[in-house]
Amino acid sequence: MSAAQPSPPARVQDSIRQSGSAQARLFFALWPEPEIQAELAQYGRQLQRGVGGKLTRQESIHLTLVFLGAVDLDRMDDVRGAGGCAEFRPFAFEVDTAGCWGHNGIAWLGPRLMPEPMLSLVGSLRAALLHAGFRVEQRPYKAHVTVVRKARCRPMDPTLAPVEWQVNDFVLMRSELNAEGSRYTLIGRWPDASRKPD
């Protein structure tokens, strides 16, 4: 990832403790390069013209792999361990379809065909988290990028000119809700590009 991507702050866990929270809201995700975020944000603006609602901030655009929710701080190392155990290999896919879910007012972008390496990564993460004693969602995985919230869904053309997304790593993020929406902090990245091979 480029320098514009979220980077790990110094002593993340200490900063979480200082916030007064005994838990952190965590999720594993794919975090695109800024150029991909810009392309997806443009599609988000197009969708918003039809469905209204609130746009996702461009720098926050991502694709969630596994959402954990609130995790006790003393289990943070277990979550990182699950990330380190997950089977991952670089892959590419196309974001080429759009939709809107009326039950939660989410307008989204995603792949028409799910890439096998992504499904394998999600399955591997779920298995590692279950082995570590965490509860994870068991529904079939539906890859999507949220671009508009509080949308008023209506029929739309789902076809997009494909956006090519090369995936070279995945991340563990902390989400904090505030008046402007969600603020994200990077907790971990795999593979860890800062570690030199033996």
N, C-alpha and C. Protein backbone atom coordinates (compact mmCIF):
# COMPACT_ATOMS: atom_id res chain seq x y z
N MET A 1 0.83 -1.20 0.00
CA MET A 1 0.00 0.00 0.00
C MET A 1 0.87 1.25 0.00
N SER A 2 0.35 2.32 -0.52
CA SER A 2 1.11 3.55 -0.61
C SER A 2 1.08 4.29 0.71
N ALA A 3 1.86 5.39 0.77
CA ALA A 3 1.93 6.16 2.01
C ALA A 3 0.61 6.80 2.36
N ALA A 4 -0.29 6.94 1.39
CA ALA A 4 -1.58 7.57 1.65
C ALA A 4 -2.53 6.64 2.41
N GLN A 5 -2.16 5.35 2.51
CA GLN A 5 -2.99 4.40 3.23
C GLN A 5 -2.86 4.64 4.73
N PRO A 6 -3.85 4.12 5.52
CA PRO A 6 -3.71 4.23 6.97
C PRO A 6 -2.43 3.54 7.41
N SER A 7 -1.72 4.12 8.35
CA SER A 7 -0.48 3.51 8.85
C SER A 7 -0.61 3.28 10.34
N PRO A 8 0.10 2.27 10.86
CA PRO A 8 -0.06 1.94 12.27
C PRO A 8 0.48 3.04 13.16
N PRO A 9 -0.35 3.61 14.04
CA PRO A 9 0.16 4.60 14.99
C PRO A 9 1.03 3.91 16.03
N ALA A 10 1.89 4.68 16.67
CA ALA A 10 2.75 4.11 17.71
C ALA A 10 1.91 3.67 18.89
N ARG A 11 2.21 2.49 19.37
CA ARG A 11 1.57 1.93 20.56
C ARG A 11 0.06 2.04 20.48
N VAL A 12 -0.51 1.36 19.48
CA VAL A 12 -1.95 1.43 19.24
C VAL A 12 -2.73 0.99 20.46
N GLN A 13 -2.33 -0.14 21.06
CA GLN A 13 -3.11 -0.66 22.18
C GLN A 13 -3.10 0.30 23.35
N ASP A 14 -1.97 0.98 23.61
CA ASP A 14 -1.94 1.97 24.69
C ASP A 14 -2.92 3.10 24.41
N SER A 15 -2.99 3.54 23.16
CA SER A 15 -3.89 4.64 22.83
C SER A 15 -5.34 4.22 23.00
N ILE A 16 -5.65 2.94 22.70
CA ILE A 16 -7.01 2.46 22.90
C ILE A 16 -7.35 2.46 24.38
N ARG A 17 -6.40 1.99 25.20
CA ARG A 17 -6.66 1.99 26.64
C ARG A 17 -6.88 3.40 27.17
N GLN A 18 -6.10 4.35 26.67
CA GLN A 18 -6.22 5.73 27.15
C GLN A 18 -7.56 6.34 26.77
N SER A 19 -8.23 5.77 25.77
CA SER A 19 -9.53 6.32 25.37
C SER A 19 -10.61 5.98 26.40
N GLY A 20 -10.27 5.11 27.34
CA GLY A 20 -11.24 4.77 28.38
C GLY A 20 -12.13 3.59 28.01
N SER A 21 -11.96 3.01 26.82
CA SER A 21 -12.77 1.89 26.40
C SER A 21 -12.04 0.59 26.72
N ALA A 22 -12.79 -0.39 27.26
CA ALA A 22 -12.22 -1.70 27.55
C ALA A 22 -12.33 -2.61 26.34
N GLN A 23 -12.93 -2.12 25.26
CA GLN A 23 -13.12 -2.90 24.06
C GLN A 23 -12.75 -2.08 22.83
N ALA A 24 -12.52 -2.79 21.74
CA ALA A 24 -12.29 -2.14 20.45
C ALA A 24 -13.18 -2.82 19.42
N ARG A 25 -13.74 -2.03 18.51
CA ARG A 25 -14.61 -2.54 17.46
C ARG A 25 -13.73 -2.86 16.25
N LEU A 26 -13.62 -4.14 15.89
CA LEU A 26 -12.61 -4.58 14.94
C LEU A 26 -13.22 -5.27 13.72
N PHE A 27 -12.49 -5.18 12.60
CA PHE A 27 -12.87 -5.94 11.41
C PHE A 27 -11.65 -6.14 10.52
N PHE A 28 -11.63 -7.26 9.80
CA PHE A 28 -10.63 -7.51 8.77
C PHE A 28 -11.18 -6.99 7.44
N ALA A 29 -10.28 -6.44 6.61
CA ALA A 29 -10.75 -5.82 5.37
C ALA A 29 -9.67 -5.82 4.30
N LEU A 30 -10.11 -5.56 3.08
CA LEU A 30 -9.23 -5.16 1.98
C LEU A 30 -9.30 -3.65 1.89
N TRP A 31 -8.13 -3.00 1.85
CA TRP A 31 -8.08 -1.53 1.81
C TRP A 31 -7.42 -1.11 0.51
N PRO A 32 -8.18 -0.49 -0.40
CA PRO A 32 -7.63 -0.21 -1.73
C PRO A 32 -6.67 0.97 -1.76
N GLU A 33 -5.87 0.99 -2.81
CA GLU A 33 -5.01 2.14 -3.06
C GLU A 33 -5.87 3.37 -3.31
N PRO A 34 -5.32 4.58 -3.07
CA PRO A 34 -6.11 5.81 -3.25
C PRO A 34 -6.72 5.95 -4.65
N GLU A 35 -6.03 5.46 -5.67
CA GLU A 35 -6.57 5.56 -7.03
C GLU A 35 -7.85 4.75 -7.18
N ILE A 36 -7.88 3.57 -6.56
CA ILE A 36 -9.08 2.73 -6.60
C ILE A 36 -10.18 3.37 -5.76
N GLN A 37 -9.82 3.90 -4.60
CA GLN A 37 -10.81 4.59 -3.77
C GLN A 37 -11.46 5.73 -4.56
N ALA A 38 -10.68 6.47 -5.34
CA ALA A 38 -11.22 7.59 -6.11
C ALA A 38 -12.21 7.10 -7.17
N GLU A 39 -11.88 5.99 -7.85
CA GLU A 39 -12.80 5.45 -8.85
C GLU A 39 -14.10 4.98 -8.21
N LEU A 40 -14.00 4.29 -7.08
CA LEU A 40 -15.20 3.82 -6.40
C LEU A 40 -16.02 4.97 -5.83
N ALA A 41 -15.34 6.00 -5.35
CA ALA A 41 -16.05 7.18 -4.83
C ALA A 41 -16.84 7.86 -5.94
N GLN A 42 -16.30 7.88 -7.16
CA GLN A 42 -17.02 8.48 -8.28
C GLN A 42 -18.31 7.72 -8.56
N TYR A 43 -18.24 6.40 -8.53
CA TYR A 43 -19.46 5.60 -8.69
C TYR A 43 -20.43 5.86 -7.54
N GLY A 44 -19.89 6.03 -6.33
CA GLY A 44 -20.74 6.34 -5.19
C GLY A 44 -21.51 7.63 -5.40
N ARG A 45 -20.85 8.65 -5.94
CA ARG A 45 -21.54 9.92 -6.20
C ARG A 45 -22.65 9.74 -7.23
N GLN A 46 -22.39 8.90 -8.23
CA GLN A 46 -23.42 8.63 -9.23
C GLN A 46 -24.63 7.93 -8.60
N LEU A 47 -24.36 6.95 -7.74
CA LEU A 47 -25.46 6.27 -7.06
C LEU A 47 -26.24 7.22 -6.16
N GLN A 48 -25.52 8.09 -5.45
CA GLN A 48 -26.18 9.00 -4.53
C GLN A 48 -27.17 9.91 -5.25
N ARG A 49 -26.87 10.27 -6.49
CA ARG A 49 -27.80 11.13 -7.23
C ARG A 49 -29.16 10.45 -7.42
N GLY A 50 -29.16 9.12 -7.42
CA GLY A 50 -30.41 8.40 -7.59
C GLY A 50 -31.09 7.99 -6.30
N VAL A 51 -30.31 7.76 -5.24
CA VAL A 51 -30.89 7.21 -4.01
C VAL A 51 -30.74 8.12 -2.80
N GLY A 52 -30.08 9.28 -2.97
CA GLY A 52 -29.88 10.17 -1.84
C GLY A 52 -28.93 9.54 -0.83
N GLY A 53 -29.07 9.94 0.44
CA GLY A 53 -28.27 9.36 1.50
C GLY A 53 -26.93 10.05 1.70
N LYS A 54 -26.09 9.41 2.50
CA LYS A 54 -24.80 9.98 2.90
C LYS A 54 -23.66 9.18 2.30
N LEU A 55 -22.77 9.87 1.59
CA LEU A 55 -21.62 9.23 0.96
C LEU A 55 -20.60 8.75 1.99
N THR A 56 -19.98 7.61 1.70
CA THR A 56 -18.80 7.20 2.44
C THR A 56 -17.64 8.10 2.06
N ARG A 57 -16.88 8.57 3.03
CA ARG A 57 -15.71 9.38 2.72
C ARG A 57 -14.74 8.59 1.84
N GLN A 58 -14.18 9.23 0.84
CA GLN A 58 -13.34 8.53 -0.12
C GLN A 58 -12.20 7.78 0.56
N GLU A 59 -11.55 8.40 1.54
CA GLU A 59 -10.40 7.76 2.18
C GLU A 59 -10.80 6.60 3.09
N SER A 60 -12.11 6.44 3.33
CA SER A 60 -12.59 5.35 4.18
C SER A 60 -13.14 4.17 3.39
N ILE A 61 -13.15 4.27 2.08
CA ILE A 61 -13.71 3.20 1.26
C ILE A 61 -12.88 1.92 1.40
N HIS A 62 -13.56 0.81 1.68
CA HIS A 62 -12.89 -0.47 1.89
C HIS A 62 -13.88 -1.60 1.64
N LEU A 63 -13.37 -2.83 1.68
CA LEU A 63 -14.21 -4.02 1.53
C LEU A 63 -13.99 -4.89 2.76
N THR A 64 -15.04 -5.07 3.56
CA THR A 64 -14.92 -5.86 4.78
C THR A 64 -14.87 -7.34 4.45
N LEU A 65 -13.95 -8.05 5.10
CA LEU A 65 -13.83 -9.50 4.97
C LEU A 65 -14.56 -10.21 6.11
N VAL A 66 -14.24 -9.84 7.34
CA VAL A 66 -14.89 -10.40 8.52
C VAL A 66 -15.06 -9.28 9.54
N PHE A 67 -16.29 -9.09 10.00
CA PHE A 67 -16.57 -8.08 11.02
C PHE A 67 -16.69 -8.78 12.37
N LEU A 68 -15.88 -8.34 13.33
CA LEU A 68 -15.86 -8.96 14.65
C LEU A 68 -16.74 -8.21 15.65
N GLY A 69 -16.87 -6.90 15.49
CA GLY A 69 -17.58 -6.12 16.48
C GLY A 69 -16.70 -5.84 17.69
N ALA A 70 -17.31 -5.63 18.84
CA ALA A 70 -16.57 -5.26 20.05
C ALA A 70 -15.77 -6.44 20.58
N VAL A 71 -14.47 -6.21 20.75
CA VAL A 71 -13.55 -7.24 21.24
C VAL A 71 -12.84 -6.70 22.48
N ASP A 72 -12.78 -7.51 23.52
CA ASP A 72 -12.06 -7.11 24.73
C ASP A 72 -10.58 -6.86 24.39
N LEU A 73 -10.00 -5.85 25.02
CA LEU A 73 -8.62 -5.51 24.71
C LEU A 73 -7.64 -6.64 25.01
N ASP A 74 -7.97 -7.46 26.00
CA ASP A 74 -7.04 -8.55 26.31
C ASP A 74 -7.10 -9.69 25.29
N ARG A 75 -7.99 -9.56 24.30
CA ARG A 75 -8.05 -10.56 23.22
C ARG A 75 -7.45 -10.04 21.92
N MET A 76 -6.86 -8.86 21.95
CA MET A 76 -6.32 -8.27 20.74
C MET A 76 -5.24 -9.15 20.11
N ASP A 77 -4.36 -9.72 20.92
CA ASP A 77 -3.31 -10.58 20.38
C ASP A 77 -3.90 -11.82 19.73
N ASP A 78 -5.02 -12.31 20.26
CA ASP A 78 -5.67 -13.48 19.66
C ASP A 78 -6.22 -13.14 18.27
N VAL A 79 -6.76 -11.92 18.14
CA VAL A 79 -7.27 -11.50 16.83
C VAL A 79 -6.12 -11.36 15.85
N ARG A 80 -5.03 -10.73 16.28
CA ARG A 80 -3.85 -10.61 15.41
C ARG A 80 -3.32 -12.00 15.03
N GLY A 81 -3.35 -12.91 15.99
CA GLY A 81 -2.89 -14.26 15.70
C GLY A 81 -3.73 -14.93 14.63
N ALA A 82 -5.04 -14.69 14.66
CA ALA A 82 -5.92 -15.25 13.62
C ALA A 82 -5.56 -14.67 12.26
N GLY A 83 -5.25 -13.37 12.22
CA GLY A 83 -4.82 -12.77 10.96
C GLY A 83 -3.55 -13.39 10.43
N GLY A 84 -2.62 -13.68 11.34
CA GLY A 84 -1.36 -14.28 10.95
C GLY A 84 -1.50 -15.72 10.48
N CYS A 85 -2.57 -16.40 10.92
CA CYS A 85 -2.80 -17.80 10.52
C CYS A 85 -3.56 -17.92 9.21
N ALA A 86 -4.18 -16.85 8.76
CA ALA A 86 -5.04 -16.92 7.57
C ALA A 86 -4.23 -17.21 6.31
N GLU A 87 -4.80 -18.01 5.44
CA GLU A 87 -4.16 -18.34 4.17
C GLU A 87 -4.42 -17.19 3.18
N PHE A 88 -3.33 -16.63 2.66
CA PHE A 88 -3.47 -15.50 1.74
C PHE A 88 -2.47 -15.62 0.60
N ARG A 89 -2.95 -15.29 -0.58
CA ARG A 89 -2.08 -15.12 -1.74
C ARG A 89 -2.62 -13.93 -2.54
N PRO A 90 -1.76 -13.12 -3.14
CA PRO A 90 -2.22 -11.96 -3.90
C PRO A 90 -3.18 -12.38 -5.01
N PHE A 91 -4.14 -11.53 -5.28
CA PHE A 91 -5.10 -11.80 -6.34
C PHE A 91 -5.66 -10.48 -6.86
N ALA A 92 -6.37 -10.55 -7.95
CA ALA A 92 -7.03 -9.39 -8.54
C ALA A 92 -8.49 -9.73 -8.81
N PHE A 93 -9.34 -8.72 -8.78
CA PHE A 93 -10.74 -8.93 -9.13
C PHE A 93 -11.31 -7.63 -9.68
N GLU A 94 -12.52 -7.73 -10.22
CA GLU A 94 -13.20 -6.57 -10.80
C GLU A 94 -14.40 -6.18 -9.95
N VAL A 95 -14.51 -4.89 -9.65
CA VAL A 95 -15.73 -4.32 -9.08
C VAL A 95 -16.57 -3.88 -10.28
N ASP A 96 -17.65 -4.61 -10.54
CA ASP A 96 -18.37 -4.39 -11.79
C ASP A 96 -19.89 -4.43 -11.66
N THR A 97 -20.39 -4.34 -10.42
CA THR A 97 -21.84 -4.32 -10.24
C THR A 97 -22.20 -3.43 -9.05
N ALA A 98 -23.43 -2.95 -9.05
CA ALA A 98 -23.92 -2.06 -7.99
C ALA A 98 -25.27 -2.55 -7.51
N GLY A 99 -25.62 -2.18 -6.29
CA GLY A 99 -26.92 -2.56 -5.75
C GLY A 99 -27.28 -1.70 -4.56
N CYS A 100 -28.48 -1.94 -4.03
CA CYS A 100 -28.95 -1.19 -2.87
C CYS A 100 -29.84 -2.10 -2.05
N TRP A 101 -29.56 -2.17 -0.76
CA TRP A 101 -30.33 -3.02 0.14
C TRP A 101 -31.33 -2.17 0.92
N GLY A 102 -32.60 -2.44 0.70
CA GLY A 102 -33.63 -1.64 1.34
C GLY A 102 -33.72 -1.84 2.83
N HIS A 103 -33.33 -3.03 3.34
CA HIS A 103 -33.51 -3.29 4.78
C HIS A 103 -32.57 -2.45 5.64
N ASN A 104 -31.43 -2.02 5.06
CA ASN A 104 -30.51 -1.21 5.86
C ASN A 104 -30.08 0.08 5.17
N GLY A 105 -30.64 0.35 3.99
CA GLY A 105 -30.35 1.61 3.30
C GLY A 105 -28.92 1.74 2.83
N ILE A 106 -28.31 0.62 2.44
CA ILE A 106 -26.93 0.62 1.98
C ILE A 106 -26.88 0.49 0.47
N ALA A 107 -26.24 1.47 -0.20
CA ALA A 107 -25.93 1.35 -1.62
C ALA A 107 -24.48 0.90 -1.73
N TRP A 108 -24.23 -0.08 -2.59
CA TRP A 108 -22.93 -0.74 -2.58
C TRP A 108 -22.43 -1.03 -3.98
N LEU A 109 -21.13 -1.34 -4.04
CA LEU A 109 -20.46 -1.79 -5.26
C LEU A 109 -19.78 -3.11 -4.93
N GLY A 110 -19.64 -3.98 -5.93
CA GLY A 110 -18.99 -5.24 -5.66
C GLY A 110 -18.69 -6.03 -6.91
N PRO A 111 -18.09 -7.21 -6.74
CA PRO A 111 -17.80 -8.07 -7.88
C PRO A 111 -19.01 -8.92 -8.26
N ARG A 112 -19.28 -9.00 -9.55
CA ARG A 112 -20.36 -9.88 -10.01
C ARG A 112 -19.99 -11.35 -9.74
N LEU A 113 -18.72 -11.68 -9.95
CA LEU A 113 -18.22 -13.02 -9.69
C LEU A 113 -17.23 -12.96 -8.54
N MET A 114 -17.49 -13.76 -7.51
CA MET A 114 -16.61 -13.76 -6.35
C MET A 114 -15.31 -14.47 -6.68
N PRO A 115 -14.16 -13.82 -6.50
CA PRO A 115 -12.88 -14.50 -6.76
C PRO A 115 -12.61 -15.57 -5.70
N GLU A 116 -12.16 -16.73 -6.15
CA GLU A 116 -11.90 -17.85 -5.23
C GLU A 116 -10.90 -17.49 -4.13
N PRO A 117 -9.79 -16.76 -4.44
CA PRO A 117 -8.86 -16.42 -3.35
C PRO A 117 -9.50 -15.57 -2.26
N MET A 118 -10.47 -14.73 -2.62
CA MET A 118 -11.15 -13.93 -1.60
C MET A 118 -12.01 -14.82 -0.71
N LEU A 119 -12.75 -15.74 -1.33
CA LEU A 119 -13.57 -16.66 -0.55
C LEU A 119 -12.70 -17.52 0.36
N SER A 120 -11.54 -17.96 -0.14
CA SER A 120 -10.63 -18.76 0.67
C SER A 120 -10.10 -17.96 1.85
N LEU A 121 -9.78 -16.69 1.62
CA LEU A 121 -9.27 -15.84 2.69
C LEU A 121 -10.33 -15.64 3.77
N VAL A 122 -11.58 -15.36 3.35
CA VAL A 122 -12.66 -15.18 4.32
C VAL A 122 -12.86 -16.46 5.12
N GLY A 123 -12.90 -17.60 4.42
CA GLY A 123 -13.08 -18.88 5.11
C GLY A 123 -11.95 -19.17 6.08
N SER A 124 -10.73 -18.86 5.68
CA SER A 124 -9.57 -19.09 6.53
C SER A 124 -9.61 -18.20 7.77
N LEU A 125 -9.97 -16.93 7.58
CA LEU A 125 -10.08 -16.02 8.72
C LEU A 125 -11.18 -16.48 9.69
N ARG A 126 -12.33 -16.85 9.14
CA ARG A 126 -13.42 -17.32 10.00
C ARG A 126 -12.98 -18.54 10.80
N ALA A 127 -12.31 -19.48 10.14
CA ALA A 127 -11.89 -20.70 10.83
C ALA A 127 -10.89 -20.38 11.93
N ALA A 128 -9.94 -19.48 11.66
CA ALA A 128 -8.94 -19.13 12.67
C ALA A 128 -9.58 -18.41 13.85
N LEU A 129 -10.55 -17.56 13.57
CA LEU A 129 -11.23 -16.84 14.65
C LEU A 129 -12.08 -17.79 15.48
N LEU A 130 -12.78 -18.70 14.82
CA LEU A 130 -13.58 -19.69 15.55
C LEU A 130 -12.67 -20.55 16.45
N HIS A 131 -11.53 -20.94 15.91
CA HIS A 131 -10.58 -21.75 16.69
C HIS A 131 -10.09 -20.99 17.92
N ALA A 132 -10.00 -19.65 17.80
CA ALA A 132 -9.55 -18.82 18.92
C ALA A 132 -10.69 -18.48 19.88
N GLY A 133 -11.90 -18.97 19.58
CA GLY A 133 -13.01 -18.76 20.50
C GLY A 133 -13.90 -17.57 20.20
N PHE A 134 -13.76 -16.95 19.01
CA PHE A 134 -14.59 -15.81 18.65
C PHE A 134 -15.84 -16.29 17.91
N ARG A 135 -16.88 -15.51 18.00
CA ARG A 135 -18.10 -15.78 17.24
C ARG A 135 -18.00 -15.02 15.92
N VAL A 136 -18.28 -15.70 14.83
CA VAL A 136 -18.24 -15.06 13.51
C VAL A 136 -19.52 -15.38 12.75
N GLU A 137 -19.83 -14.53 11.79
CA GLU A 137 -21.02 -14.71 10.99
C GLU A 137 -20.89 -15.97 10.13
N GLN A 138 -21.97 -16.74 10.03
CA GLN A 138 -21.95 -17.99 9.27
C GLN A 138 -22.69 -17.88 7.94
N ARG A 139 -23.33 -16.75 7.67
CA ARG A 139 -24.02 -16.59 6.39
C ARG A 139 -23.03 -16.61 5.24
N PRO A 140 -23.48 -17.03 4.06
CA PRO A 140 -22.59 -16.96 2.89
C PRO A 140 -22.06 -15.55 2.71
N TYR A 141 -20.79 -15.45 2.39
CA TYR A 141 -20.13 -14.16 2.29
C TYR A 141 -20.58 -13.42 1.03
N LYS A 142 -20.89 -12.14 1.18
CA LYS A 142 -21.29 -11.28 0.06
C LYS A 142 -20.34 -10.08 0.05
N ALA A 143 -19.37 -10.11 -0.85
CA ALA A 143 -18.39 -9.01 -0.92
C ALA A 143 -19.07 -7.75 -1.42
N HIS A 144 -18.89 -6.65 -0.69
CA HIS A 144 -19.46 -5.38 -1.12
C HIS A 144 -18.68 -4.22 -0.50
N VAL A 145 -18.69 -3.12 -1.20
CA VAL A 145 -18.09 -1.87 -0.74
C VAL A 145 -19.23 -0.89 -0.50
N THR A 146 -19.43 -0.48 0.74
CA THR A 146 -20.49 0.49 1.05
C THR A 146 -20.06 1.87 0.58
N VAL A 147 -20.87 2.47 -0.30
CA VAL A 147 -20.54 3.81 -0.81
C VAL A 147 -21.58 4.86 -0.40
N VAL A 148 -22.79 4.43 -0.02
CA VAL A 148 -23.83 5.35 0.44
C VAL A 148 -24.59 4.71 1.58
N ARG A 149 -24.79 5.45 2.65
CA ARG A 149 -25.64 5.01 3.75
C ARG A 149 -26.92 5.86 3.77
N LYS A 150 -27.95 5.33 4.42
CA LYS A 150 -29.25 5.99 4.51
C LYS A 150 -29.83 6.24 3.12
N ALA A 151 -29.58 5.29 2.21
CA ALA A 151 -30.08 5.42 0.84
C ALA A 151 -31.58 5.08 0.79
N ARG A 152 -32.27 5.70 -0.14
CA ARG A 152 -33.67 5.38 -0.43
C ARG A 152 -33.66 4.52 -1.70
N CYS A 153 -33.59 3.22 -1.49
CA CYS A 153 -33.35 2.31 -2.61
C CYS A 153 -34.49 2.34 -3.63
N ARG A 154 -34.10 2.22 -4.87
CA ARG A 154 -35.06 2.16 -5.99
C ARG A 154 -34.40 1.36 -7.10
N PRO A 155 -35.17 0.91 -8.08
CA PRO A 155 -34.57 0.14 -9.18
C PRO A 155 -33.44 0.92 -9.85
N MET A 156 -32.36 0.21 -10.20
CA MET A 156 -31.20 0.85 -10.82
C MET A 156 -30.54 -0.11 -11.79
N ASP A 157 -29.75 0.44 -12.69
CA ASP A 157 -28.93 -0.38 -13.57
C ASP A 157 -27.72 -0.85 -12.77
N PRO A 158 -27.55 -2.16 -12.56
CA PRO A 158 -26.45 -2.63 -11.72
C PRO A 158 -25.09 -2.67 -12.43
N THR A 159 -25.08 -2.42 -13.73
CA THR A 159 -23.86 -2.61 -14.51
C THR A 159 -22.90 -1.44 -14.33
N LEU A 160 -21.62 -1.77 -14.09
CA LEU A 160 -20.57 -0.76 -14.00
C LEU A 160 -19.47 -1.09 -15.00
N ALA A 161 -18.78 -0.06 -15.48
CA ALA A 161 -17.51 -0.30 -16.17
C ALA A 161 -16.55 -0.84 -15.12
N PRO A 162 -15.92 -1.98 -15.35
CA PRO A 162 -15.15 -2.64 -14.28
C PRO A 162 -14.02 -1.78 -13.73
N VAL A 163 -13.88 -1.83 -12.40
CA VAL A 163 -12.74 -1.24 -11.71
C VAL A 163 -11.83 -2.38 -11.29
N GLU A 164 -10.60 -2.39 -11.80
CA GLU A 164 -9.65 -3.46 -11.49
C GLU A 164 -8.99 -3.20 -10.13
N TRP A 165 -9.02 -4.19 -9.26
CA TRP A 165 -8.48 -4.06 -7.90
C TRP A 165 -7.46 -5.18 -7.69
N GLN A 166 -6.22 -4.79 -7.53
CA GLN A 166 -5.15 -5.74 -7.22
C GLN A 166 -4.98 -5.80 -5.70
N VAL A 167 -5.07 -6.99 -5.15
CA VAL A 167 -4.99 -7.18 -3.70
C VAL A 167 -3.64 -7.80 -3.35
N ASN A 168 -2.85 -7.08 -2.59
CA ASN A 168 -1.53 -7.57 -2.17
C ASN A 168 -1.43 -7.83 -0.67
N ASP A 169 -2.46 -7.43 0.07
CA ASP A 169 -2.47 -7.66 1.51
C ASP A 169 -3.88 -7.46 2.04
N PHE A 170 -4.07 -7.75 3.32
CA PHE A 170 -5.32 -7.45 4.00
C PHE A 170 -4.99 -6.86 5.36
N VAL A 171 -5.98 -6.20 5.98
CA VAL A 171 -5.71 -5.43 7.19
C VAL A 171 -6.71 -5.75 8.29
N LEU A 172 -6.30 -5.46 9.51
CA LEU A 172 -7.19 -5.46 10.67
C LEU A 172 -7.37 -4.02 11.09
N MET A 173 -8.62 -3.57 11.18
CA MET A 173 -8.91 -2.18 11.47
C MET A 173 -9.75 -2.05 12.73
N ARG A 174 -9.57 -0.92 13.40
CA ARG A 174 -10.45 -0.53 14.50
C ARG A 174 -11.37 0.57 14.01
N SER A 175 -12.66 0.47 14.32
CA SER A 175 -13.65 1.47 13.93
C SER A 175 -14.17 2.19 15.17
N GLU A 176 -14.17 3.52 15.12
CA GLU A 176 -14.75 4.34 16.18
C GLU A 176 -15.79 5.26 15.56
N LEU A 177 -16.98 5.24 16.14
CA LEU A 177 -18.07 6.06 15.63
C LEU A 177 -18.02 7.45 16.25
N ASN A 178 -18.23 8.48 15.42
CA ASN A 178 -18.32 9.85 15.92
C ASN A 178 -19.37 10.59 15.11
N ALA A 179 -19.51 11.89 15.33
CA ALA A 179 -20.56 12.66 14.67
C ALA A 179 -20.40 12.67 13.15
N GLU A 180 -19.17 12.55 12.67
CA GLU A 180 -18.92 12.58 11.22
C GLU A 180 -19.06 11.20 10.58
N GLY A 181 -19.21 10.15 11.38
CA GLY A 181 -19.29 8.80 10.84
C GLY A 181 -18.32 7.89 11.57
N SER A 182 -17.55 7.12 10.83
CA SER A 182 -16.59 6.19 11.42
C SER A 182 -15.17 6.67 11.19
N ARG A 183 -14.32 6.52 12.20
CA ARG A 183 -12.89 6.79 12.07
C ARG A 183 -12.17 5.48 12.19
N TYR A 184 -11.24 5.23 11.29
CA TYR A 184 -10.57 3.93 11.22
C TYR A 184 -9.10 4.05 11.59
N THR A 185 -8.63 3.07 12.37
CA THR A 185 -7.24 2.99 12.77
C THR A 185 -6.70 1.62 12.37
N LEU A 186 -5.55 1.61 11.71
CA LEU A 186 -4.93 0.36 11.31
C LEU A 186 -4.30 -0.33 12.52
N ILE A 187 -4.66 -1.62 12.72
CA ILE A 187 -4.13 -2.40 13.83
C ILE A 187 -3.10 -3.42 13.35
N GLY A 188 -3.31 -3.97 12.15
CA GLY A 188 -2.37 -4.96 11.63
C GLY A 188 -2.52 -5.11 10.14
N ARG A 189 -1.46 -5.61 9.49
CA ARG A 189 -1.49 -5.84 8.04
C ARG A 189 -0.75 -7.14 7.73
N TRP A 190 -1.30 -7.94 6.81
CA TRP A 190 -0.70 -9.20 6.41
C TRP A 190 -0.72 -9.31 4.88
N PRO A 191 0.34 -9.75 4.23
CA PRO A 191 1.66 -9.96 4.83
C PRO A 191 2.24 -8.63 5.35
N ASP A 192 3.10 -8.74 6.35
CA ASP A 192 3.73 -7.56 6.94
C ASP A 192 4.93 -7.16 6.07
N ALA A 193 4.75 -6.13 5.25
CA ALA A 193 5.80 -5.73 4.32
C ALA A 193 7.02 -5.18 5.04
N SER A 194 6.89 -4.80 6.31
CA SER A 194 8.02 -4.23 7.04
C SER A 194 8.98 -5.30 7.54
N ARG A 195 8.55 -6.59 7.49
CA ARG A 195 9.39 -7.68 7.98
C ARG A 195 10.15 -8.29 6.81
N LYS A 196 11.45 -8.37 6.95
CA LYS A 196 12.28 -8.94 5.90
C LYS A 196 12.27 -10.46 6.01
N PRO A 197 12.24 -11.14 4.87
CA PRO A 197 12.30 -12.60 4.93
C PRO A 197 13.61 -13.09 5.51
N ASP A 198 13.56 -14.26 6.16
CA ASP A 198 14.80 -14.83 6.75
C ASP A 198 15.78 -15.26 5.68
